[in-house]
Every structure is written in structure tokens, then in C-alpha cells.
Amino acid sequence: MAFTPLHDRVLVRRVEGEEKTAGGLIIPDTAKEKPSEGEVVAVGEGARKDSGELIAMSVKAGDRILFGKWSGTEITVDGEEMLIMKEGDILGTLS
């Protein structure tokens, strides 16, 4: 991949949601919401304090995360749709 985020930005690949409900009904593509779960593909070096000191990132490539419904900007990298967002838009990590 030839894309590296800058500063405190994160490149995220969305993880597709469930195809069926708990009751077994199949959800058509037109009724699905975009998932708010993803996998971190790449991270920037981190933000900087006013003094110039680097603030390390809390997430790393490979982490599974949750983010807000309207978080990030959709981009296409190597023909694949991804999101780029600030680290502050990430709500938490999944283990």
C-alpha cells in the first residue's frame, strides 16, 4: 500500500456487518447501514504538543475499532474503499 496517514490520522477498512438478523431474516443491501466497526490499516506518527513533543498513537495497524456513524472521510486506495479519520474520532478498540 502506498498511502501513509499524517500526524494523528488513521486509515481504516470497514468490517462488513451481519447479513441476517438474530431471528434469521436476511437483510437486503438497500436496508443495511454502513458499519461503524473497522480494522486499522495504517496510522500516522502522532500529534504534536505545542512544545513539539510527539504524542504517541493509541491504536496500531491490525486493531479492530468502533467509530462514530459520520466519522472520517471516504477515500479509495488501490481500488478499495477506506476511511481516513483523526484518532479522536475512534470510540474504542475491540478485543
PDB file of N, CA and C in Angstrom:
ATOM      1  N   MET A   1       0.843  -1.163   0.000  1.00  0.00           N
ATOM      2  CA  MET A   1       0.000   0.000   0.000  1.00  0.00           C
ATOM      3  C   MET A   1       0.897   1.237   0.000  1.00  0.00           C
ATOM      4  N   ALA A   2       0.545   2.210  -0.807  1.00  0.00           N
ATOM      5  CA  ALA A   2       1.386   3.388  -0.969  1.00  0.00           C
ATOM      6  C   ALA A   2       0.843   4.600  -0.225  1.00  0.00           C
ATOM      7  N   PHE A   3      -0.022   4.430   0.746  1.00  0.00           N
ATOM      8  CA  PHE A   3      -0.618   5.552   1.465  1.00  0.00           C
ATOM      9  C   PHE A   3      -0.243   5.486   2.937  1.00  0.00           C
ATOM     10  N   THR A   4       0.291   6.567   3.481  1.00  0.00           N
ATOM     11  CA  THR A   4       0.614   6.662   4.906  1.00  0.00           C
ATOM     12  C   THR A   4      -0.055   7.918   5.453  1.00  0.00           C
ATOM     13  N   PRO A   5      -0.925   7.780   6.463  1.00  0.00           N
ATOM     14  CA  PRO A   5      -1.569   8.957   7.053  1.00  0.00           C
ATOM     15  C   PRO A   5      -0.548   9.847   7.761  1.00  0.00           C
ATOM     16  N   LEU A   6      -0.868  11.129   7.840  1.00  0.00           N
ATOM     17  CA  LEU A   6      -0.005  12.082   8.527  1.00  0.00           C
ATOM     18  C   LEU A   6      -0.538  12.381   9.920  1.00  0.00           C
ATOM     19  N   HIS A   7       0.354  12.782  10.794  1.00  0.00           N
ATOM     20  CA  HIS A   7       0.041  13.256  12.145  1.00  0.00           C
ATOM     21  C   HIS A   7      -0.822  12.259  12.916  1.00  0.00           C
ATOM     22  N   ASP A   8      -2.002  12.681  13.384  1.00  0.00           N
ATOM     23  CA  ASP A   8      -2.839  11.797  14.217  1.00  0.00           C
ATOM     24  C   ASP A   8      -3.998  11.200  13.417  1.00  0.00           C
ATOM     25  N   ARG A   9      -3.753  10.923  12.150  1.00  0.00           N
ATOM     26  CA  ARG A   9      -4.803  10.325  11.317  1.00  0.00           C
ATOM     27  C   ARG A   9      -4.595   8.819  11.194  1.00  0.00           C
ATOM     28  N   VAL A  10      -5.717   8.132  10.911  1.00  0.00           N
ATOM     29  CA  VAL A  10      -5.732   6.666  10.860  1.00  0.00           C
ATOM     30  C   VAL A  10      -6.457   6.234   9.591  1.00  0.00           C
ATOM     31  N   LEU A  11      -5.935   5.248   8.884  1.00  0.00           N
ATOM     32  CA  LEU A  11      -6.583   4.665   7.717  1.00  0.00           C
ATOM     33  C   LEU A  11      -7.310   3.402   8.178  1.00  0.00           C
ATOM     34  N   VAL A  12      -8.620   3.326   7.864  1.00  0.00           N
ATOM     35  CA  VAL A  12      -9.466   2.247   8.388  1.00  0.00           C
ATOM     36  C   VAL A  12     -10.190   1.540   7.248  1.00  0.00           C
ATOM     37  N   ARG A  13     -10.228   0.209   7.323  1.00  0.00           N
ATOM     38  CA  ARG A  13     -11.029  -0.618   6.406  1.00  0.00           C
ATOM     39  C   ARG A  13     -12.291  -1.023   7.161  1.00  0.00           C
ATOM     40  N   ARG A  14     -13.456  -0.706   6.601  1.00  0.00           N
ATOM     41  CA  ARG A  14     -14.720  -1.081   7.259  1.00  0.00           C
ATOM     42  C   ARG A  14     -14.857  -2.600   7.320  1.00  0.00           C
ATOM     43  N   VAL A  15     -15.445  -3.085   8.406  1.00  0.00           N
ATOM     44  CA  VAL A  15     -15.751  -4.505   8.557  1.00  0.00           C
ATOM     45  C   VAL A  15     -17.239  -4.647   8.291  1.00  0.00           C
ATOM     46  N   GLU A  16     -17.587  -5.499   7.344  1.00  0.00           N
ATOM     47  CA  GLU A  16     -18.993  -5.654   6.967  1.00  0.00           C
ATOM     48  C   GLU A  16     -19.818  -6.239   8.103  1.00  0.00           C
ATOM     49  N   GLY A  17     -21.056  -5.754   8.230  1.00  0.00           N
ATOM     50  CA  GLY A  17     -21.967  -6.200   9.276  1.00  0.00           C
ATOM     51  C   GLY A  17     -22.610  -7.534   8.949  1.00  0.00           C
ATOM     52  N   GLU A  18     -23.503  -7.939   9.825  1.00  0.00           N
ATOM     53  CA  GLU A  18     -24.196  -9.215   9.667  1.00  0.00           C
ATOM     54  C   GLU A  18     -25.151  -9.181   8.476  1.00  0.00           C
ATOM     55  N   GLU A  19     -25.295 -10.316   7.798  1.00  0.00           N
ATOM     56  CA  GLU A  19     -26.216 -10.458   6.674  1.00  0.00           C
ATOM     57  C   GLU A  19     -27.619 -10.830   7.143  1.00  0.00           C
ATOM     58  N   LYS A  20     -27.719 -11.361   8.383  1.00  0.00           N
ATOM     59  CA  LYS A  20     -29.006 -11.820   8.909  1.00  0.00           C
ATOM     60  C   LYS A  20     -29.274 -11.184  10.269  1.00  0.00           C
ATOM     61  N   THR A  21     -30.553 -11.091  10.617  1.00  0.00           N
ATOM     62  CA  THR A  21     -30.929 -10.629  11.950  1.00  0.00           C
ATOM     63  C   THR A  21     -30.821 -11.797  12.917  1.00  0.00           C
ATOM     64  N   ALA A  22     -31.013 -11.534  14.202  1.00  0.00           N
ATOM     65  CA  ALA A  22     -30.962 -12.601  15.203  1.00  0.00           C
ATOM     66  C   ALA A  22     -32.051 -13.635  14.958  1.00  0.00           C
ATOM     67  N   GLY A  23     -33.162 -13.202  14.364  1.00  0.00           N
ATOM     68  CA  GLY A  23     -34.274 -14.123  14.074  1.00  0.00           C
ATOM     69  C   GLY A  23     -34.095 -14.895  12.785  1.00  0.00           C
ATOM     70  N   GLY A  24     -33.035 -14.605  12.024  1.00  0.00           N
ATOM     71  CA  GLY A  24     -32.753 -15.356  10.808  1.00  0.00           C
ATOM     72  C   GLY A  24     -33.202 -14.667   9.523  1.00  0.00           C
ATOM     73  N   LEU A  25     -33.737 -13.452   9.610  1.00  0.00           N
ATOM     74  CA  LEU A  25     -34.159 -12.734   8.412  1.00  0.00           C
ATOM     75  C   LEU A  25     -32.937 -12.166   7.694  1.00  0.00           C
ATOM     76  N   ILE A  26     -32.923 -12.280   6.381  1.00  0.00           N
ATOM     77  CA  ILE A  26     -31.822 -11.751   5.590  1.00  0.00           C
ATOM     78  C   ILE A  26     -32.063 -10.265   5.347  1.00  0.00           C
ATOM     79  N   ILE A  27     -31.041  -9.456   5.602  1.00  0.00           N
ATOM     80  CA  ILE A  27     -31.141  -8.012   5.432  1.00  0.00           C
ATOM     81  C   ILE A  27     -30.680  -7.655   4.021  1.00  0.00           C
ATOM     82  N   PRO A  28     -31.554  -7.011   3.201  1.00  0.00           N
ATOM     83  CA  PRO A  28     -31.123  -6.625   1.857  1.00  0.00           C
ATOM     84  C   PRO A  28     -30.111  -5.481   1.912  1.00  0.00           C
ATOM     85  N   ASP A  29     -29.281  -5.378   0.868  1.00  0.00           N
ATOM     86  CA  ASP A  29     -28.239  -4.346   0.828  1.00  0.00           C
ATOM     87  C   ASP A  29     -28.812  -2.940   0.963  1.00  0.00           C
ATOM     88  N   THR A  30     -29.996  -2.699   0.430  1.00  0.00           N
ATOM     89  CA  THR A  30     -30.583  -1.364   0.483  1.00  0.00           C
ATOM     90  C   THR A  30     -30.992  -0.966   1.885  1.00  0.00           C
ATOM     91  N   ALA A  31     -31.205  -1.925   2.780  1.00  0.00           N
ATOM     92  CA  ALA A  31     -31.638  -1.630   4.145  1.00  0.00           C
ATOM     93  C   ALA A  31     -30.488  -1.617   5.146  1.00  0.00           C
ATOM     94  N   LYS A  32     -29.309  -2.028   4.707  1.00  0.00           N
ATOM     95  CA  LYS A  32     -28.163  -2.092   5.617  1.00  0.00           C
ATOM     96  C   LYS A  32     -27.599  -0.701   5.868  1.00  0.00           C
ATOM     97  N   GLU A  33     -27.163  -0.475   7.096  1.00  0.00           N
ATOM     98  CA  GLU A  33     -26.426   0.745   7.410  1.00  0.00           C
ATOM     99  C   GLU A  33     -24.950   0.449   7.251  1.00  0.00           C
ATOM    100  N   LYS A  34     -24.189   1.489   6.960  1.00  0.00           N
ATOM    101  CA  LYS A  34     -22.751   1.288   6.876  1.00  0.00           C
ATOM    102  C   LYS A  34     -22.245   0.924   8.261  1.00  0.00           C
ATOM    103  N   PRO A  35     -21.380  -0.063   8.347  1.00  0.00           N
ATOM    104  CA  PRO A  35     -20.887  -0.486   9.664  1.00  0.00           C
ATOM    105  C   PRO A  35     -20.022   0.587  10.312  1.00  0.00           C
ATOM    106  N   SER A  36     -20.073   0.620  11.635  1.00  0.00           N
ATOM    107  CA  SER A  36     -19.244   1.573  12.372  1.00  0.00           C
ATOM    108  C   SER A  36     -18.116   0.821  13.087  1.00  0.00           C
ATOM    109  N   GLU A  37     -17.733  -0.285  12.489  1.00  0.00           N
ATOM    110  CA  GLU A  37     -16.634  -1.100  13.007  1.00  0.00           C
ATOM    111  C   GLU A  37     -15.629  -1.265  11.885  1.00  0.00           C
ATOM    112  N   GLY A  38     -14.354  -1.253  12.237  1.00  0.00           N
ATOM    113  CA  GLY A  38     -13.345  -1.382  11.203  1.00  0.00           C
ATOM    114  C   GLY A  38     -12.031  -1.908  11.730  1.00  0.00           C
ATOM    115  N   GLU A  39     -11.100  -2.082  10.794  1.00  0.00           N
ATOM    116  CA  GLU A  39      -9.756  -2.542  11.125  1.00  0.00           C
ATOM    117  C   GLU A  39      -8.774  -1.458  10.715  1.00  0.00           C
ATOM    118  N   VAL A  40      -7.873  -1.116  11.612  1.00  0.00           N
ATOM    119  CA  VAL A  40      -6.863  -0.094  11.328  1.00  0.00           C
ATOM    120  C   VAL A  40      -5.850  -0.681  10.346  1.00  0.00           C
ATOM    121  N   VAL A  41      -5.655   0.018   9.233  1.00  0.00           N
ATOM    122  CA  VAL A  41      -4.719  -0.433   8.207  1.00  0.00           C
ATOM    123  C   VAL A  41      -3.364   0.265   8.372  1.00  0.00           C
ATOM    124  N   ALA A  42      -3.402   1.572   8.641  1.00  0.00           N
ATOM    125  CA  ALA A  42      -2.162   2.338   8.812  1.00  0.00           C
ATOM    126  C   ALA A  42      -2.420   3.507   9.750  1.00  0.00           C
ATOM    127  N   VAL A  43      -1.396   3.947  10.453  1.00  0.00           N
ATOM    128  CA  VAL A  43      -1.512   5.085  11.375  1.00  0.00           C
ATOM    129  C   VAL A  43      -0.394   6.086  11.098  1.00  0.00           C
ATOM    130  N   GLY A  44      -0.661   7.345  11.426  1.00  0.00           N
ATOM    131  CA  GLY A  44       0.358   8.384  11.317  1.00  0.00           C
ATOM    132  C   GLY A  44       1.310   8.313  12.501  1.00  0.00           C
ATOM    133  N   GLU A  45       2.251   9.240  12.555  1.00  0.00           N
ATOM    134  CA  GLU A  45       3.251   9.221  13.627  1.00  0.00           C
ATOM    135  C   GLU A  45       2.696   9.725  14.948  1.00  0.00           C
ATOM    136  N   GLY A  46       1.599  10.487  14.924  1.00  0.00           N
ATOM    137  CA  GLY A  46       1.007  11.023  16.142  1.00  0.00           C
ATOM    138  C   GLY A  46       0.956  12.539  16.110  1.00  0.00           C
ATOM    139  N   ALA A  47       0.208  13.110  17.025  1.00  0.00           N
ATOM    140  CA  ALA A  47       0.068  14.569  17.119  1.00  0.00           C
ATOM    141  C   ALA A  47       1.288  15.151  17.836  1.00  0.00           C
ATOM    142  N   ARG A  48       1.396  16.447  17.788  1.00  0.00           N
ATOM    143  CA  ARG A  48       2.492  17.122  18.483  1.00  0.00           C
ATOM    144  C   ARG A  48       1.933  18.145  19.465  1.00  0.00           C
ATOM    145  N   LYS A  49       2.572  18.207  20.625  1.00  0.00           N
ATOM    146  CA  LYS A  49       2.227  19.233  21.616  1.00  0.00           C
ATOM    147  C   LYS A  49       2.764  20.572  21.129  1.00  0.00           C
ATOM    148  N   ASP A  50       2.362  21.650  21.796  1.00  0.00           N
ATOM    149  CA  ASP A  50       2.872  22.978  21.450  1.00  0.00           C
ATOM    150  C   ASP A  50       4.392  23.051  21.583  1.00  0.00           C
ATOM    151  N   SER A  51       4.934  22.247  22.478  1.00  0.00           N
ATOM    152  CA  SER A  51       6.387  22.245  22.680  1.00  0.00           C
ATOM    153  C   SER A  51       7.126  21.458  21.591  1.00  0.00           C
ATOM    154  N   GLY A  52       6.357  20.773  20.723  1.00  0.00           N
ATOM    155  CA  GLY A  52       6.968  19.976  19.658  1.00  0.00           C
ATOM    156  C   GLY A  52       7.134  18.521  20.008  1.00  0.00           C
ATOM    157  N   GLU A  53       6.834  18.165  21.259  1.00  0.00           N
ATOM    158  CA  GLU A  53       6.949  16.771  21.699  1.00  0.00           C
ATOM    159  C   GLU A  53       5.868  15.917  21.033  1.00  0.00           C
ATOM    160  N   LEU A  54       6.241  14.726  20.586  1.00  0.00           N
ATOM    161  CA  LEU A  54       5.333  13.817  19.896  1.00  0.00           C
ATOM    162  C   LEU A  54       4.430  13.092  20.888  1.00  0.00           C
ATOM    163  N   ILE A  55       3.128  13.054  20.590  1.00  0.00           N
ATOM    164  CA  ILE A  55       2.165  12.296  21.390  1.00  0.00           C
ATOM    165  C   ILE A  55       1.918  10.987  20.636  1.00  0.00           C
ATOM    166  N   ALA A  56       2.290   9.865  21.222  1.00  0.00           N
ATOM    167  CA  ALA A  56       2.179   8.563  20.559  1.00  0.00           C
ATOM    168  C   ALA A  56       0.723   8.194  20.302  1.00  0.00           C
ATOM    169  N   MET A  57       0.485   7.436  19.233  1.00  0.00           N
ATOM    170  CA  MET A  57      -0.861   6.978  18.879  1.00  0.00           C
ATOM    171  C   MET A  57      -1.292   5.856  19.830  1.00  0.00           C
ATOM    172  N   SER A  58      -2.599   5.802  20.106  1.00  0.00           N
ATOM    173  CA  SER A  58      -3.145   4.770  20.992  1.00  0.00           C
ATOM    174  C   SER A  58      -3.505   3.497  20.243  1.00  0.00           C
ATOM    175  N   VAL A  59      -3.651   3.588  18.925  1.00  0.00           N
ATOM    176  CA  VAL A  59      -4.007   2.424  18.119  1.00  0.00           C
ATOM    177  C   VAL A  59      -2.848   2.094  17.188  1.00  0.00           C
ATOM    178  N   LYS A  60      -2.869   0.862  16.672  1.00  0.00           N
ATOM    179  CA  LYS A  60      -1.829   0.428  15.744  1.00  0.00           C
ATOM    180  C   LYS A  60      -2.483  -0.373  14.628  1.00  0.00           C
ATOM    181  N   ALA A  61      -1.766  -0.594  13.567  1.00  0.00           N
ATOM    182  CA  ALA A  61      -2.272  -1.375  12.441  1.00  0.00           C
ATOM    183  C   ALA A  61      -2.704  -2.761  12.932  1.00  0.00           C
ATOM    184  N   GLY A  62      -3.879  -3.200  12.485  1.00  0.00           N
ATOM    185  CA  GLY A  62      -4.403  -4.504  12.883  1.00  0.00           C
ATOM    186  C   GLY A  62      -5.454  -4.430  13.975  1.00  0.00           C
ATOM    187  N   ASP A  63      -5.537  -3.304  14.707  1.00  0.00           N
ATOM    188  CA  ASP A  63      -6.547  -3.156  15.763  1.00  0.00           C
ATOM    189  C   ASP A  63      -7.944  -3.081  15.155  1.00  0.00           C
ATOM    190  N   ARG A  64      -8.924  -3.684  15.847  1.00  0.00           N
ATOM    191  CA  ARG A  64     -10.336  -3.543  15.459  1.00  0.00           C
ATOM    192  C   ARG A  64     -10.923  -2.433  16.311  1.00  0.00           C
ATOM    193  N   ILE A  65     -11.622  -1.506  15.661  1.00  0.00           N
ATOM    194  CA  ILE A  65     -12.103  -0.320  16.350  1.00  0.00           C
ATOM    195  C   ILE A  65     -13.584  -0.062  16.091  1.00  0.00           C
ATOM    196  N   LEU A  66     -14.167   0.765  16.939  1.00  0.00           N
ATOM    197  CA  LEU A  66     -15.503   1.311  16.732  1.00  0.00           C
ATOM    198  C   LEU A  66     -15.346   2.802  16.524  1.00  0.00           C
ATOM    199  N   PHE A  67     -16.141   3.361  15.603  1.00  0.00           N
ATOM    200  CA  PHE A  67     -16.082   4.789  15.340  1.00  0.00           C
ATOM    201  C   PHE A  67     -17.500   5.304  15.115  1.00  0.00           C
ATOM    202  N   GLY A  68     -17.658   6.621  15.200  1.00  0.00           N
ATOM    203  CA  GLY A  68     -18.963   7.245  15.031  1.00  0.00           C
ATOM    204  C   GLY A  68     -19.520   7.069  13.629  1.00  0.00           C
ATOM    205  N   LYS A  69     -20.837   7.149  13.516  1.00  0.00           N
ATOM    206  CA  LYS A  69     -21.525   6.922  12.253  1.00  0.00           C
ATOM    207  C   LYS A  69     -21.054   7.876  11.148  1.00  0.00           C
ATOM    208  N   TRP A  70     -20.781   9.120  11.491  1.00  0.00           N
ATOM    209  CA  TRP A  70     -20.395  10.118  10.494  1.00  0.00           C
ATOM    210  C   TRP A  70     -18.903  10.430  10.545  1.00  0.00           C
ATOM    211  N   SER A  71     -18.111   9.576  11.137  1.00  0.00           N
ATOM    212  CA  SER A  71     -16.674   9.825  11.277  1.00  0.00           C
ATOM    213  C   SER A  71     -15.925   9.566   9.978  1.00  0.00           C
ATOM    214  N   GLY A  72     -14.882  10.320   9.783  1.00  0.00           N
ATOM    215  CA  GLY A  72     -13.952  10.058   8.695  1.00  0.00           C
ATOM    216  C   GLY A  72     -14.379  10.554   7.331  1.00  0.00           C
ATOM    217  N   THR A  73     -13.457  10.419   6.406  1.00  0.00           N
ATOM    218  CA  THR A  73     -13.652  10.781   5.007  1.00  0.00           C
ATOM    219  C   THR A  73     -13.400   9.544   4.171  1.00  0.00           C
ATOM    220  N   GLU A  74     -14.343   9.229   3.281  1.00  0.00           N
ATOM    221  CA  GLU A  74     -14.190   8.051   2.443  1.00  0.00           C
ATOM    222  C   GLU A  74     -13.200   8.335   1.326  1.00  0.00           C
ATOM    223  N   ILE A  75     -12.254   7.426   1.138  1.00  0.00           N
ATOM    224  CA  ILE A  75     -11.274   7.532   0.060  1.00  0.00           C
ATOM    225  C   ILE A  75     -11.127   6.158  -0.600  1.00  0.00           C
ATOM    226  N   THR A  76     -10.541   6.129  -1.783  1.00  0.00           N
ATOM    227  CA  THR A  76     -10.256   4.870  -2.469  1.00  0.00           C
ATOM    228  C   THR A  76      -8.745   4.727  -2.587  1.00  0.00           C
ATOM    229  N   VAL A  77      -8.232   3.617  -2.054  1.00  0.00           N
ATOM    230  CA  VAL A  77      -6.798   3.327  -2.100  1.00  0.00           C
ATOM    231  C   VAL A  77      -6.635   1.966  -2.756  1.00  0.00           C
ATOM    232  N   ASP A  78      -5.888   1.922  -3.847  1.00  0.00           N
ATOM    233  CA  ASP A  78      -5.667   0.676  -4.595  1.00  0.00           C
ATOM    234  C   ASP A  78      -6.981  -0.008  -4.949  1.00  0.00           C
ATOM    235  N   GLY A  79      -8.015   0.774  -5.317  1.00  0.00           N
ATOM    236  CA  GLY A  79      -9.299   0.227  -5.724  1.00  0.00           C
ATOM    237  C   GLY A  79     -10.195  -0.224  -4.582  1.00  0.00           C
ATOM    238  N   GLU A  80      -9.790   0.009  -3.352  1.00  0.00           N
ATOM    239  CA  GLU A  80     -10.565  -0.410  -2.184  1.00  0.00           C
ATOM    240  C   GLU A  80     -11.040   0.824  -1.417  1.00  0.00           C
ATOM    241  N   GLU A  81     -12.338   0.837  -1.066  1.00  0.00           N
ATOM    242  CA  GLU A  81     -12.878   1.963  -0.316  1.00  0.00           C
ATOM    243  C   GLU A  81     -12.471   1.867   1.148  1.00  0.00           C
ATOM    244  N   MET A  82     -11.925   2.965   1.675  1.00  0.00           N
ATOM    245  CA  MET A  82     -11.480   3.018   3.063  1.00  0.00           C
ATOM    246  C   MET A  82     -11.872   4.359   3.655  1.00  0.00           C
ATOM    247  N   LEU A  83     -11.623   4.506   4.940  1.00  0.00           N
ATOM    248  CA  LEU A  83     -11.876   5.755   5.647  1.00  0.00           C
ATOM    249  C   LEU A  83     -10.576   6.285   6.210  1.00  0.00           C
ATOM    250  N   ILE A  84     -10.450   7.606   6.200  1.00  0.00           N
ATOM    251  CA  ILE A  84      -9.343   8.228   6.914  1.00  0.00           C
ATOM    252  C   ILE A  84      -9.970   9.154   7.945  1.00  0.00           C
ATOM    253  N   MET A  85      -9.516   9.019   9.198  1.00  0.00           N
ATOM    254  CA  MET A  85     -10.106   9.804  10.284  1.00  0.00           C
ATOM    255  C   MET A  85      -9.031  10.165  11.296  1.00  0.00           C
ATOM    256  N   LYS A  86      -9.351  11.146  12.123  1.00  0.00           N
ATOM    257  CA  LYS A  86      -8.450  11.507  13.219  1.00  0.00           C
ATOM    258  C   LYS A  86      -8.593  10.473  14.332  1.00  0.00           C
ATOM    259  N   GLU A  87      -7.549  10.295  15.093  1.00  0.00           N
ATOM    260  CA  GLU A  87      -7.582   9.330  16.186  1.00  0.00           C
ATOM    261  C   GLU A  87      -8.699   9.661  17.177  1.00  0.00           C
ATOM    262  N   GLY A  88      -9.018  10.933  17.351  1.00  0.00           N
ATOM    263  CA  GLY A  88     -10.073  11.346  18.275  1.00  0.00           C
ATOM    264  C   GLY A  88     -11.469  10.902  17.854  1.00  0.00           C
ATOM    265  N   ASP A  89     -11.655  10.522  16.572  1.00  0.00           N
ATOM    266  CA  ASP A  89     -12.956  10.032  16.102  1.00  0.00           C
ATOM    267  C   ASP A  89     -13.196   8.569  16.483  1.00  0.00           C
ATOM    268  N   ILE A  90     -12.155   7.892  16.943  1.00  0.00           N
ATOM    269  CA  ILE A  90     -12.272   6.485  17.322  1.00  0.00           C
ATOM    270  C   ILE A  90     -12.859   6.414  18.729  1.00  0.00           C
ATOM    271  N   LEU A  91     -13.928   5.612  18.870  1.00  0.00           N
ATOM    272  CA  LEU A  91     -14.617   5.482  20.158  1.00  0.00           C
ATOM    273  C   LEU A  91     -13.950   4.468  21.069  1.00  0.00           C
ATOM    274  N   GLY A  92     -13.347   3.427  20.505  1.00  0.00           N
ATOM    275  CA  GLY A  92     -12.693   2.417  21.317  1.00  0.00           C
ATOM    276  C   GLY A  92     -12.202   1.262  20.468  1.00  0.00           C
ATOM    277  N   THR A  93     -11.489   0.336  21.104  1.00  0.00           N
ATOM    278  CA  THR A  93     -10.981  -0.845  20.408  1.00  0.00           C
ATOM    279  C   THR A  93     -11.744  -2.084  20.875  1.00  0.00           C
ATOM    280  N   LEU A  94     -11.778  -3.085  20.005  1.00  0.00           N
ATOM    281  CA  LEU A  94     -12.418  -4.366  20.317  1.00  0.00           C
ATOM    282  C   LEU A  94     -11.338  -5.428  20.486  1.00  0.00           C
ATOM    283  N   SER A  95     -11.532  -6.307  21.454  1.00  0.00           N
ATOM    284  CA  SER A  95     -10.529  -7.360  21.647  1.00  0.00           C
ATOM    285  C   SER A  95     -11.051  -8.684  21.154  1.00  0.00           C
TER     286      SER A  95
END
